[in-house]
C-alpha atoms as a PDB file:
ATOM      1  CA  MET A   1      18.022  39.258 -20.172  1.00  0.00           C
ATOM      2  CA  LYS A   2      17.095  41.863 -17.547  1.00  0.00           C
ATOM      3  CA  ARG A   3      13.630  42.162 -19.061  1.00  0.00           C
ATOM      4  CA  LEU A   4      13.113  38.405 -18.839  1.00  0.00           C
ATOM      5  CA  ILE A   5      14.083  38.405 -15.184  1.00  0.00           C
ATOM      6  CA  ALA A   6      11.817  41.380 -14.473  1.00  0.00           C
ATOM      7  CA  VAL A   7       8.856  39.731 -16.221  1.00  0.00           C
ATOM      8  CA  THR A   8       9.458  36.470 -14.349  1.00  0.00           C
ATOM      9  CA  VAL A   9       9.580  38.260 -11.003  1.00  0.00           C
ATOM     10  CA  ALA A  10       6.407  40.207 -11.828  1.00  0.00           C
ATOM     11  CA  LEU A  11       4.516  37.072 -12.839  1.00  0.00           C
ATOM     12  CA  THR A  12       5.668  35.266  -9.720  1.00  0.00           C
ATOM     13  CA  ALA A  13       4.557  38.176  -7.568  1.00  0.00           C
ATOM     14  CA  LEU A  14       1.100  38.112  -9.180  1.00  0.00           C
ATOM     15  CA  ALA A  15       0.750  34.335  -9.083  1.00  0.00           C
ATOM     16  CA  GLY A  16       0.780  34.146  -5.264  1.00  0.00           C
ATOM     17  CA  PRO A  17      -2.247  36.397  -4.622  1.00  0.00           C
ATOM     18  CA  LEU A  18      -4.025  35.045  -7.678  1.00  0.00           C
ATOM     19  CA  HIS A  19      -3.629  31.505  -6.348  1.00  0.00           C
ATOM     20  CA  ALA A  20      -4.833  32.609  -2.924  1.00  0.00           C
ATOM     21  CA  VAL A  21      -8.075  33.942  -4.418  1.00  0.00           C
ATOM     22  CA  TYR A  22      -8.920  30.588  -5.954  1.00  0.00           C
ATOM     23  CA  ALA A  23      -7.704  28.577  -2.981  1.00  0.00           C
ATOM     24  CA  LYS A  24     -10.182  30.282  -0.618  1.00  0.00           C
ATOM     25  CA  ASP A  25     -12.943  28.030  -1.871  1.00  0.00           C
ATOM     26  CA  LYS A  26     -11.639  25.180   0.266  1.00  0.00           C
ATOM     27  CA  THR A  27     -10.691  25.120   3.907  1.00  0.00           C
ATOM     28  CA  PRO A  28      -7.317  23.709   4.950  1.00  0.00           C
ATOM     29  CA  LEU A  29      -9.138  20.710   6.394  1.00  0.00           C
ATOM     30  CA  GLN A  30     -10.813  20.014   3.046  1.00  0.00           C
ATOM     31  CA  VAL A  31      -7.512  20.294   1.221  1.00  0.00           C
ATOM     32  CA  GLU A  32      -5.911  17.895   3.719  1.00  0.00           C
ATOM     33  CA  ASP A  33      -8.791  15.422   3.354  1.00  0.00           C
ATOM     34  CA  GLU A  34      -8.472  15.497  -0.425  1.00  0.00           C
ATOM     35  CA  GLN A  35      -4.743  14.889  -0.190  1.00  0.00           C
ATOM     36  CA  ARG A  36      -5.298  11.940   2.174  1.00  0.00           C
ATOM     37  CA  ALA A  37      -7.906  10.513  -0.194  1.00  0.00           C
ATOM     38  CA  LYS A  38      -5.430  10.745  -3.081  1.00  0.00           C
ATOM     39  CA  GLU A  39      -2.759   9.034  -0.981  1.00  0.00           C
ATOM     40  CA  ARG A  40      -5.189   6.263   0.013  1.00  0.00           C
ATOM     41  CA  ALA A  41      -6.134   5.720  -3.628  1.00  0.00           C
ATOM     42  CA  LEU A  42      -2.467   5.557  -4.623  1.00  0.00           C
ATOM     43  CA  ILE A  43      -1.661   3.083  -1.850  1.00  0.00           C
ATOM     44  CA  GLN A  44      -4.663   0.924  -2.788  1.00  0.00           C
ATOM     45  CA  LYS A  45      -3.576   0.931  -6.430  1.00  0.00           C
ATOM     46  CA  GLN A  46      -0.038  -0.113  -5.447  1.00  0.00           C
ATOM     47  CA  TYR A  47      -1.443  -2.856  -3.201  1.00  0.00           C
ATOM     48  CA  ASP A  48      -3.673  -4.210  -5.959  1.00  0.00           C
ATOM     49  CA  THR A  49      -0.752  -4.198  -8.398  1.00  0.00           C
ATOM     50  CA  ALA A  50       1.414  -6.086  -5.915  1.00  0.00           C
ATOM     51  CA  LEU A  51      -1.324  -8.683  -5.378  1.00  0.00           C
ATOM     52  CA  GLN A  52      -1.635  -9.260  -9.096  1.00  0.00           C
ATOM     53  CA  LYS A  53       2.119  -9.818  -9.385  1.00  0.00           C
ATOM     54  CA  THR A  54       2.245 -12.447  -6.644  1.00  0.00           C
ATOM     55  CA  ASP A  55       1.790 -16.123  -7.360  1.00  0.00           C
ATOM     56  CA  ARG A  56      -0.917 -17.255  -4.985  1.00  0.00           C
ATOM     57  CA  SER A  57      -0.248 -20.971  -5.436  1.00  0.00           C
ATOM     58  CA  ALA A  58       3.300 -20.530  -4.148  1.00  0.00           C
ATOM     59  CA  ALA A  59       2.122 -18.553  -1.137  1.00  0.00           C
ATOM     60  CA  VAL A  60       0.545 -21.592   0.554  1.00  0.00           C
ATOM     61  CA  PRO A  61       3.266 -23.851   1.928  1.00  0.00           C
ATOM     62  CA  ALA A  62       2.902 -27.579   1.489  1.00  0.00           C
ATOM     63  CA  VAL A  63       1.983 -29.419   4.656  1.00  0.00           C
ATOM     64  CA  ASN A  64       4.358 -32.256   5.395  1.00  0.00           C
ATOM     65  CA  ASP A  65       5.308 -34.337   8.389  1.00  0.00           C
ATOM     66  CA  PRO A  66       9.051 -34.147   9.024  1.00  0.00           C
ATOM     67  CA  TRP A  67       8.875 -37.216  11.313  1.00  0.00           C
ATOM     68  CA  ALA A  68       7.000 -39.400   8.821  1.00  0.00           C
ATOM     69  CA  ASN A  69      10.086 -41.489   7.991  1.00  0.00           C
ATOM     70  CA  MET A  70      11.027 -41.901  11.668  1.00  0.00           C
ATOM     71  CA  ARG A  71       7.844 -43.700  12.729  1.00  0.00           C
ATOM     72  CA  GLY A  72       7.472 -47.419  12.493  1.00  0.00           C
ATOM     73  CA  SER A  73       4.830 -49.070  10.361  1.00  0.00           C
ATOM     74  CA  ASN A  74       2.648 -50.006  13.362  1.00  0.00           C
ATOM     75  CA  ASP A  75       2.892 -46.618  15.104  1.00  0.00           C
ATOM     76  CA  ALA A  76      -0.469 -45.007  14.569  1.00  0.00           C
ATOM     77  CA  LYS A  77      -1.378 -41.390  14.992  1.00  0.00           C
ATOM     78  CA  SER A  78      -4.556 -42.151  16.912  1.00  0.00           C
ATOM     79  CA  ASN A  79      -5.777 -40.683  20.138  1.00  0.00           C
ATOM     80  CA  SER A  80      -7.116 -43.995  21.379  1.00  0.00           C
ATOM     81  CA  LYS A  81      -5.814 -45.398  24.646  1.00  0.00           C
ATOM     82  CA  PRO A  82      -3.970 -48.740  24.584  1.00  0.00           C
ATOM     83  CA  LYS A  83      -5.873 -51.784  25.795  1.00  0.00           C
ATOM     84  CA  ARG A  84      -4.854 -53.412  29.088  1.00  0.00           C
END
């Protein structure tokens, strides 16, 4: 058990500098830009999935006139002025 712990600690100690050698190829700004691009792609994918799940015919409300039954038969919706 002690050997396993010692090997794990040794590998962890070597992994940090080894990772740093390969990570020098990119600047922190490049790494941040790549991460933002991945986040944008993920958000776009989630947005597209949500759009596909929505029912577009139900999204447009029906236009109705709530006062239609209150008007008389001769009341017109015209903009013309009454004759004198």
